[in-house]
Amino acid sequence: MIRSAKKKNFIVTEEKAIDELLSRSVFQILPSREVLKKELLSGRRLRIYIGADATGPELHLGHSTNFILLEKLRKLGHEVIVLFGDFTAMIGDPSGKDSARIALSLKEIKKNLKTWKKQIAPILSFTDKKNPAKILQNSVWLKKLRFEQILKLASSFTVQHMIERDMFEKRMKEGRPIYMHEFFYPLMQGYDSTAMDVDIEIGGSDQIFNMLAGRILQRKYNNKEKFIIATTLLENPKTGRKLMSKSEGGYVALCDTPAHMYGKVMALPDSTIIQVFIDCTLVSLSEIEHIKKELRAGINPRDIKMKLAKEIVALYHGAKKAEEAEKHFVSTFQRKEFPSDATEISVARDATLENILLAKNIVSSKSEFRRLIEGRAIMNTETGVKLDSISYRINADINLKIGKKKFLKIKVK
């Protein structure tokens, strides 16, 4: 167990702050919001964690929702932990996947984790003298499990329970394989809760199944309740897909440069503005309500999005860099006119850019399209963002510069 000595921290029990904390960006609370609120009002210091598997070197705005919430709980005086899933990354979380994840080597995992702390540090304090956030890695306890311990873990769940998961049911219907090691993922994540003896786990709503596994094991091993705070996922409301996806064109990495981050936020669909304000910034809910009214009154969404972009860049790079990023955007992109004689086409929503360019003979082959993407030679001229995904899909009107001389205006039907 990793239960440290109790600290005599002062716990903030201000009801208004707790009410907002339990409602903003929150999808579901288990066993209930009321029971957790009572616990937070009790003055007892709780141990709270967020886990993230080291499947890539970049964290993105979708991750920031949880870290912002964790920081608010830290400021209330609670003990908070960021768990880097170095061991679970070797298995791979099957949540939402149509096929098994590719196993990562220890070398790849170590490389992925190299800058994670630096990426999170602007929104979660690791340097506070009284109550700093902690970082742990689950290989510390998971690699020590003996086979009889793993059997005991497995005996807490049934095969029927595992295959009830949506993605497993889908794979069975489609005749796709489900590998035995994938069943072990929720067991491993569940054991994290037990090993750290936590009171609360925070994760995206797509992680509820895995977080419930930890709730079951906490009861079995430590005879205690574990609360679950499932947060909202950043999604494109028009497609239902995750917003932080390179193929959807909405991937904003926490390690992006100020100019690149600003441009990427400006490239987000207008329909996502309010949710990104709520989930990824520290702007008050009362101010966000005012922004909603401005949008309903007909203000240009571009102006509101510029405010959002500046807010996000300031959060990760500081106010001065945010000012510079805005000036760069205005001088480089906003004032540059798009050619009036540019080719204009209409396409169905969710069409891939590759198929569009091939159908219109703008590129001659898939290999040419791939070379353009790999060479960062296709740019959104309104934001300056260079497309970097060969599976990029068109879900909003966009103006593109392709290579040095071709311009294309795409309208979604």
Protein backbone atom coordinates (compact mmCIF):
# COMPACT_ATOMS: atom_id res chain seq x y z
CA MET A 1 0.00 0.00 0.00
CA ILE A 2 1.12 3.57 -0.61
CA ARG A 3 -0.62 5.36 2.25
CA SER A 4 1.72 8.11 3.42
CA ALA A 5 1.75 9.70 6.84
CA LYS A 6 -1.25 11.94 7.49
CA LYS A 7 -0.64 15.66 7.05
CA LYS A 8 -2.39 18.35 9.02
CA ASN A 9 -3.38 20.34 5.94
CA PHE A 10 -6.18 22.81 6.16
CA ILE A 11 -9.05 21.50 4.03
CA VAL A 12 -11.25 24.09 2.33
CA THR A 13 -14.94 23.19 2.69
CA GLU A 14 -16.54 26.18 0.97
CA GLU A 15 -19.84 24.84 -0.39
CA LYS A 16 -20.02 27.16 -3.41
CA ALA A 17 -16.56 26.07 -4.62
CA ILE A 18 -17.42 22.39 -4.10
CA ASP A 19 -20.75 22.73 -5.94
CA GLU A 20 -19.02 24.19 -9.01
CA LEU A 21 -16.25 21.62 -8.84
CA LEU A 22 -18.80 18.78 -8.87
CA SER A 23 -20.74 20.18 -11.82
CA ARG A 24 -18.29 21.79 -14.24
CA SER A 25 -17.04 19.31 -16.87
CA VAL A 26 -18.58 16.43 -14.90
CA PHE A 27 -20.43 13.67 -16.76
CA GLN A 28 -21.21 11.34 -13.82
CA ILE A 29 -20.26 10.81 -10.17
CA LEU A 30 -20.41 7.40 -8.51
CA PRO A 31 -21.95 6.38 -6.20
CA SER A 32 -23.60 9.83 -6.27
CA ARG A 33 -22.88 13.54 -6.33
CA GLU A 34 -24.65 14.02 -2.99
CA VAL A 35 -22.53 11.44 -1.15
CA LEU A 36 -19.28 12.83 -2.56
CA LYS A 37 -20.30 16.41 -1.71
CA LYS A 38 -20.91 15.34 1.89
CA GLU A 39 -17.44 13.78 1.98
CA LEU A 40 -15.79 16.93 0.59
CA LEU A 41 -17.65 19.07 3.15
CA SER A 42 -16.50 16.82 6.02
CA GLY A 43 -13.02 18.33 6.17
CA ARG A 44 -11.35 14.93 5.76
CA ARG A 45 -8.25 14.97 3.55
CA LEU A 46 -8.84 12.71 0.56
CA ARG A 47 -6.41 10.97 -1.77
CA ILE A 48 -7.33 11.57 -5.42
CA TYR A 49 -5.70 10.38 -8.62
CA ILE A 50 -5.75 10.60 -12.39
CA GLY A 51 -4.09 7.96 -14.54
CA ALA A 52 -2.76 8.36 -18.07
CA ASP A 53 -1.07 5.66 -20.13
CA ALA A 54 2.20 6.57 -21.82
CA THR A 55 0.97 5.69 -25.32
CA GLY A 56 2.42 8.84 -26.94
CA PRO A 57 4.77 11.75 -26.22
CA GLU A 58 2.09 14.46 -26.33
CA LEU A 59 -0.76 15.29 -23.98
CA HIS A 60 -3.59 17.40 -25.43
CA LEU A 61 -6.47 19.67 -24.46
CA GLY A 62 -8.69 16.64 -23.88
CA HIS A 63 -6.37 15.59 -21.04
CA SER A 64 -6.37 19.10 -19.56
CA THR A 65 -9.97 18.81 -18.33
CA ASN A 66 -8.92 16.25 -15.72
CA PHE A 67 -5.74 18.04 -14.69
CA ILE A 68 -7.61 21.32 -14.17
CA LEU A 69 -10.12 19.50 -11.95
CA LEU A 70 -7.31 17.80 -10.03
CA GLU A 71 -5.64 21.17 -9.40
CA LYS A 72 -8.86 22.57 -7.97
CA LEU A 73 -9.01 19.65 -5.55
CA ARG A 74 -5.35 20.14 -4.65
CA LYS A 75 -6.07 23.78 -3.83
CA LEU A 76 -8.80 22.62 -1.46
CA GLY A 77 -6.04 20.83 0.47
CA HIS A 78 -6.47 17.25 -0.76
CA GLU A 79 -3.63 14.91 -1.70
CA VAL A 80 -3.47 14.51 -5.48
CA ILE A 81 -1.55 12.03 -7.64
CA VAL A 82 -0.87 11.86 -11.35
CA LEU A 83 -0.25 8.22 -12.23
CA PHE A 84 1.84 7.62 -15.31
CA GLY A 85 0.75 4.26 -16.71
CA ASP A 86 4.09 2.90 -17.80
CA PHE A 87 3.14 -0.73 -17.10
CA THR A 88 -0.47 -0.54 -18.34
CA ALA A 89 0.79 1.10 -21.56
CA MET A 90 2.45 -2.24 -22.36
CA ILE A 91 -1.01 -3.86 -22.37
CA GLY A 92 -2.95 -1.01 -23.93
CA ASP A 93 -6.42 0.16 -22.94
CA PRO A 94 -9.00 -1.51 -25.22
CA SER A 95 -11.64 1.17 -24.46
CA GLY A 96 -13.34 2.26 -27.67
CA LYS A 97 -10.97 0.27 -29.89
CA ASP A 98 -12.01 -1.94 -32.80
CA SER A 99 -8.78 -3.91 -32.51
CA ALA A 100 -6.10 -4.63 -29.93
CA ARG A 101 -3.60 -1.84 -29.27
CA ILE A 102 -0.04 -2.30 -30.46
CA ALA A 103 2.20 -3.24 -27.53
CA LEU A 104 4.87 -0.66 -26.64
CA SER A 105 8.40 -1.40 -25.54
CA LEU A 106 9.84 -0.06 -22.28
CA LYS A 107 12.15 2.16 -24.33
CA GLU A 108 9.20 3.70 -26.20
CA ILE A 109 7.28 4.24 -22.96
CA LYS A 110 10.23 5.94 -21.28
CA LYS A 111 10.64 8.24 -24.29
CA ASN A 112 6.93 9.10 -24.26
CA LEU A 113 7.07 10.11 -20.59
CA LYS A 114 10.12 12.33 -20.96
CA THR A 115 8.25 15.68 -21.08
CA TRP A 116 4.88 14.82 -19.55
CA LYS A 117 5.54 16.55 -16.25
CA LYS A 118 6.64 19.70 -18.08
CA GLN A 119 3.48 19.63 -20.20
CA ILE A 120 1.20 19.34 -17.15
CA ALA A 121 3.09 21.79 -14.88
CA PRO A 122 1.37 24.99 -16.14
CA ILE A 123 -2.02 23.74 -14.89
CA LEU A 124 -1.07 21.48 -11.96
CA SER A 125 1.40 22.56 -9.28
CA PHE A 126 4.23 20.15 -8.49
CA THR A 127 6.19 22.84 -6.65
CA ASP A 128 3.74 24.05 -4.00
CA LYS A 129 5.64 23.87 -0.70
CA LYS A 130 2.68 22.82 1.45
CA ASN A 131 0.80 20.44 -0.84
CA PRO A 132 2.48 19.59 -4.15
CA ALA A 133 0.94 17.21 -6.67
CA LYS A 134 2.74 13.86 -6.84
CA ILE A 135 3.74 11.67 -9.77
CA LEU A 136 3.79 7.88 -9.50
CA GLN A 137 4.30 5.11 -12.07
CA ASN A 138 2.30 1.89 -11.84
CA SER A 139 5.18 -0.38 -12.83
CA VAL A 140 6.35 0.04 -9.22
CA TRP A 141 3.65 -2.36 -8.00
CA LEU A 142 2.27 -4.06 -11.12
CA LYS A 143 5.59 -5.64 -12.16
CA LYS A 144 5.85 -7.19 -8.68
CA LEU A 145 2.55 -9.08 -8.81
CA ARG A 146 2.95 -12.85 -8.50
CA PHE A 147 0.82 -15.20 -10.57
CA GLU A 148 -1.33 -16.25 -7.60
CA GLN A 149 -2.06 -12.55 -6.95
CA ILE A 150 -3.11 -12.08 -10.56
CA LEU A 151 -5.41 -15.10 -10.27
CA LYS A 152 -6.98 -13.57 -7.17
CA LEU A 153 -7.54 -10.31 -9.08
CA ALA A 154 -9.11 -12.18 -11.99
CA SER A 155 -11.47 -14.05 -9.65
CA SER A 156 -13.19 -10.73 -8.83
CA PHE A 157 -14.67 -10.52 -12.35
CA THR A 158 -16.53 -12.74 -14.78
CA VAL A 159 -16.03 -13.27 -18.50
CA GLN A 160 -19.64 -12.18 -19.02
CA HIS A 161 -18.84 -8.90 -17.26
CA MET A 162 -15.87 -8.28 -19.54
CA ILE A 163 -17.55 -9.05 -22.87
CA GLU A 164 -20.47 -6.77 -22.05
CA ARG A 165 -18.18 -3.87 -22.99
CA ASP A 166 -19.41 -2.20 -26.17
CA MET A 167 -16.22 -2.57 -28.18
CA PHE A 168 -15.91 -6.28 -27.32
CA GLU A 169 -19.53 -6.93 -28.33
CA LYS A 170 -18.90 -5.09 -31.59
CA ARG A 171 -15.77 -7.10 -32.32
CA MET A 172 -17.60 -10.38 -31.63
CA LYS A 173 -20.38 -9.44 -34.06
CA GLU A 174 -17.83 -8.49 -36.72
CA GLY A 175 -15.72 -11.61 -36.16
CA ARG A 176 -12.72 -9.58 -34.97
CA PRO A 177 -10.39 -11.14 -32.36
CA ILE A 178 -10.48 -10.30 -28.66
CA TYR A 179 -7.18 -11.17 -27.00
CA MET A 180 -6.96 -12.54 -23.47
CA HIS A 181 -4.47 -9.88 -22.36
CA GLU A 182 -7.07 -7.17 -23.11
CA PHE A 183 -9.22 -8.52 -20.27
CA PHE A 184 -6.34 -7.84 -17.92
CA TYR A 185 -6.30 -4.11 -18.59
CA PRO A 186 -9.22 -3.15 -16.29
CA LEU A 187 -7.79 -5.51 -13.63
CA MET A 188 -4.46 -3.68 -13.75
CA GLN A 189 -6.07 -0.23 -13.69
CA GLY A 190 -8.35 -1.39 -10.89
CA TYR A 191 -5.39 -2.61 -8.89
CA ASP A 192 -3.83 0.87 -9.16
CA SER A 193 -6.62 2.17 -6.91
CA THR A 194 -5.90 -0.57 -4.39
CA ALA A 195 -2.12 -0.14 -4.43
CA MET A 196 -2.40 3.62 -3.83
CA ASP A 197 -5.42 3.19 -1.52
CA VAL A 198 -7.23 6.14 -3.11
CA ASP A 199 -10.52 7.75 -2.17
CA ILE A 200 -11.36 9.20 -5.59
CA GLU A 201 -10.42 8.45 -9.20
CA ILE A 202 -10.93 11.00 -11.98
CA GLY A 203 -11.15 9.98 -15.63
CA GLY A 204 -13.02 10.59 -18.86
CA SER A 205 -16.50 9.14 -19.30
CA ASP A 206 -14.98 6.51 -21.63
CA GLN A 207 -13.08 5.15 -18.61
CA ILE A 208 -16.08 4.35 -16.39
CA PHE A 209 -15.76 0.58 -16.89
CA ASN A 210 -12.08 0.60 -15.89
CA MET A 211 -12.70 2.93 -12.94
CA LEU A 212 -15.50 0.68 -11.69
CA ALA A 213 -13.02 -2.21 -11.62
CA GLY A 214 -10.99 -0.21 -9.13
CA ARG A 215 -14.11 0.41 -7.06
CA ILE A 216 -14.76 -3.33 -6.86
CA LEU A 217 -11.17 -4.08 -5.85
CA GLN A 218 -11.06 -1.30 -3.25
CA ARG A 219 -14.02 -2.90 -1.51
CA LYS A 220 -12.47 -6.35 -1.71
CA TYR A 221 -8.91 -5.51 -0.69
CA ASN A 222 -9.20 -2.37 1.47
CA ASN A 223 -12.84 -2.61 2.59
CA LYS A 224 -13.54 0.99 1.59
CA GLU A 225 -15.58 3.06 -0.84
CA LYS A 226 -13.94 4.67 -3.87
CA PHE A 227 -15.62 7.59 -5.57
CA ILE A 228 -15.52 8.02 -9.33
CA ILE A 229 -15.67 11.38 -11.09
CA ALA A 230 -16.22 10.77 -14.81
CA THR A 231 -15.54 13.93 -16.80
CA THR A 232 -17.04 15.04 -20.11
CA LEU A 233 -15.16 14.23 -23.30
CA LEU A 234 -14.28 16.93 -25.80
CA GLU A 235 -16.37 15.98 -28.82
CA ASN A 236 -17.41 17.55 -32.08
CA PRO A 237 -21.20 17.89 -31.62
CA LYS A 238 -21.80 17.48 -35.35
CA THR A 239 -19.87 14.23 -35.77
CA GLY A 240 -19.93 12.78 -32.25
CA ARG A 241 -16.22 12.03 -32.57
CA LYS A 242 -13.54 13.05 -30.09
CA LEU A 243 -12.40 16.58 -30.82
CA MET A 244 -8.76 15.97 -29.98
CA SER A 245 -8.13 13.86 -33.05
CA LYS A 246 -5.57 14.56 -35.76
CA SER A 247 -7.89 13.09 -38.38
CA GLU A 248 -10.69 15.41 -37.24
CA GLY A 249 -8.34 18.37 -37.39
CA GLY A 250 -8.78 19.39 -33.77
CA TYR A 251 -5.63 18.10 -32.06
CA VAL A 252 -4.14 20.77 -29.78
CA ALA A 253 -1.08 19.46 -27.93
CA LEU A 254 -0.11 20.94 -24.56
CA CYS A 255 3.48 21.19 -25.84
CA ASP A 256 2.58 23.14 -29.01
CA THR A 257 4.38 26.44 -29.53
CA PRO A 258 2.28 29.54 -28.70
CA ALA A 259 1.71 30.41 -32.39
CA HIS A 260 0.86 26.85 -33.34
CA MET A 261 -1.45 26.41 -30.34
CA TYR A 262 -3.25 29.67 -31.14
CA GLY A 263 -3.74 28.67 -34.77
CA LYS A 264 -4.99 25.19 -33.86
CA VAL A 265 -7.60 26.63 -31.48
CA MET A 266 -8.72 28.98 -34.24
CA ALA A 267 -9.17 25.92 -36.48
CA LEU A 268 -11.64 24.28 -34.07
CA PRO A 269 -15.29 24.17 -35.25
CA ASP A 270 -17.37 27.13 -34.06
CA SER A 271 -19.83 24.70 -32.47
CA THR A 272 -17.19 23.60 -29.94
CA ILE A 273 -16.32 27.05 -28.56
CA ILE A 274 -18.43 26.93 -25.40
CA GLN A 275 -17.44 23.40 -24.41
CA VAL A 276 -13.75 24.19 -24.83
CA PHE A 277 -14.19 27.30 -22.67
CA ILE A 278 -15.85 25.17 -19.96
CA ASP A 279 -13.55 22.15 -20.09
CA CYS A 280 -10.15 23.64 -20.95
CA THR A 281 -9.94 27.12 -19.39
CA LEU A 282 -10.20 28.84 -16.03
CA VAL A 283 -12.73 31.39 -17.30
CA SER A 284 -15.61 31.63 -14.80
CA LEU A 285 -18.98 30.06 -15.59
CA SER A 286 -20.64 33.47 -15.25
CA GLU A 287 -18.35 34.90 -17.94
CA ILE A 288 -18.99 31.88 -20.16
CA GLU A 289 -22.74 32.55 -19.82
CA HIS A 290 -22.06 36.08 -21.06
CA ILE A 291 -20.14 34.64 -24.03
CA LYS A 292 -23.12 32.39 -24.83
CA LYS A 293 -25.37 35.45 -24.93
CA GLU A 294 -22.94 37.24 -27.26
CA LEU A 295 -22.98 34.29 -29.66
CA ARG A 296 -26.78 34.12 -29.59
CA ALA A 297 -26.89 37.88 -30.28
CA GLY A 298 -24.92 37.33 -33.48
CA ILE A 299 -21.35 38.27 -32.62
CA ASN A 300 -18.83 36.83 -35.08
CA PRO A 301 -17.72 33.44 -33.64
CA ARG A 302 -14.22 34.21 -34.92
CA ASP A 303 -13.88 37.05 -32.37
CA ILE A 304 -14.94 34.76 -29.51
CA LYS A 305 -12.60 32.05 -30.74
CA MET A 306 -9.72 34.53 -30.72
CA LYS A 307 -10.49 35.18 -27.05
CA LEU A 308 -10.52 31.41 -26.44
CA ALA A 309 -7.21 30.91 -28.27
CA LYS A 310 -5.57 33.71 -26.30
CA GLU A 311 -6.91 32.30 -23.02
CA ILE A 312 -5.53 28.82 -23.72
CA VAL A 313 -2.12 30.03 -24.91
CA ALA A 314 -1.82 32.24 -21.80
CA LEU A 315 -2.60 29.24 -19.59
CA TYR A 316 0.35 27.23 -20.96
CA HIS A 317 2.81 29.93 -22.08
CA GLY A 318 1.90 33.11 -20.19
CA ALA A 319 0.09 36.33 -21.09
CA LYS A 320 3.02 37.87 -23.00
CA LYS A 321 3.39 34.88 -25.33
CA ALA A 322 -0.39 34.84 -25.84
CA GLU A 323 -0.30 38.50 -26.95
CA GLU A 324 2.53 37.72 -29.37
CA ALA A 325 0.69 34.68 -30.76
CA GLU A 326 -2.42 36.79 -31.40
CA LYS A 327 -0.44 39.52 -33.18
CA HIS A 328 1.31 36.87 -35.29
CA PHE A 329 -2.03 35.31 -36.22
CA VAL A 330 -3.60 38.63 -37.20
CA SER A 331 -0.64 39.87 -39.22
CA THR A 332 0.16 36.57 -40.92
CA PHE A 333 -3.22 35.01 -41.61
CA GLN A 334 -6.25 37.11 -40.79
CA ARG A 335 -5.25 40.05 -43.00
CA LYS A 336 -4.04 37.93 -45.91
CA GLU A 337 -6.68 37.71 -48.63
CA PHE A 338 -7.61 34.36 -50.11
CA PRO A 339 -7.44 34.36 -53.95
CA SER A 340 -10.85 35.28 -55.38
CA ASP A 341 -10.39 32.85 -58.27
CA ALA A 342 -9.61 29.86 -56.05
CA THR A 343 -11.36 26.62 -56.98
CA GLU A 344 -14.48 26.10 -54.87
CA ILE A 345 -16.09 22.71 -54.29
CA SER A 346 -18.92 21.30 -52.15
CA VAL A 347 -18.49 18.02 -50.31
CA ALA A 348 -20.46 15.81 -47.96
CA ARG A 349 -19.66 16.15 -44.28
CA ASP A 350 -17.07 13.67 -42.96
CA ALA A 351 -15.48 13.10 -46.38
CA THR A 352 -11.73 12.43 -46.25
CA LEU A 353 -9.50 15.08 -47.76
CA GLU A 354 -7.56 12.39 -49.60
CA ASN A 355 -10.67 11.20 -51.48
CA ILE A 356 -11.75 14.78 -52.22
CA LEU A 357 -8.42 15.75 -53.78
CA LEU A 358 -8.22 12.52 -55.77
CA ALA A 359 -11.80 12.87 -57.08
CA LYS A 360 -11.14 16.46 -58.22
CA ASN A 361 -7.75 15.55 -59.75
CA ILE A 362 -6.02 18.04 -57.47
CA VAL A 363 -3.57 15.27 -56.62
CA SER A 364 -2.76 12.47 -59.02
CA SER A 365 -2.33 9.63 -56.53
CA LYS A 366 -2.49 8.57 -52.91
CA SER A 367 1.29 8.65 -52.75
CA GLU A 368 1.32 12.29 -53.87
CA PHE A 369 -1.23 13.15 -51.18
CA ARG A 370 0.87 11.33 -48.59
CA ARG A 371 3.99 13.26 -49.66
CA LEU A 372 2.13 16.57 -49.30
CA ILE A 373 0.93 15.66 -45.80
CA GLU A 374 4.33 14.36 -44.67
CA GLY A 375 5.96 17.51 -46.07
CA ARG A 376 3.41 19.72 -44.23
CA ALA A 377 2.49 21.24 -47.60
CA ILE A 378 -1.29 21.52 -47.05
CA MET A 379 -2.27 24.47 -44.87
CA ASN A 380 -5.50 25.90 -43.49
CA THR A 381 -5.02 29.49 -44.70
CA GLU A 382 -7.36 30.95 -42.08
CA THR A 383 -5.39 29.58 -39.13
CA GLY A 384 -1.94 28.74 -40.45
CA VAL A 385 -2.29 25.14 -39.25
CA LYS A 386 -0.51 22.64 -41.49
CA LEU A 387 -2.40 19.38 -41.80
CA ASP A 388 -0.51 16.34 -40.56
CA SER A 389 -2.94 13.43 -40.88
CA ILE A 390 -3.47 11.34 -44.00
CA SER A 391 -6.96 10.48 -42.69
CA TYR A 392 -8.02 14.14 -42.21
CA ARG A 393 -11.80 14.56 -42.55
CA ILE A 394 -13.74 17.64 -43.61
CA ASN A 395 -16.48 18.58 -41.17
CA ALA A 396 -16.58 22.37 -41.63
CA ASP A 397 -15.90 24.87 -44.40
CA ILE A 398 -12.17 25.32 -44.93
CA ASN A 399 -9.77 27.21 -47.20
CA LEU A 400 -6.60 25.33 -48.12
CA LYS A 401 -3.28 26.13 -49.71
CA ILE A 402 -1.88 23.00 -51.35
CA GLY A 403 1.78 23.14 -52.22
CA LYS A 404 3.07 26.54 -53.34
CA LYS A 405 0.44 27.57 -55.88
CA LYS A 406 -2.84 25.69 -55.48
CA PHE A 407 -5.73 27.14 -53.44
CA LEU A 408 -8.97 25.33 -52.68
CA LYS A 409 -12.16 26.50 -50.97
CA ILE A 410 -14.16 23.57 -49.57
CA LYS A 411 -17.78 23.99 -48.52
CA VAL A 412 -19.64 21.36 -46.52
CA LYS A 413 -23.13 20.58 -47.87
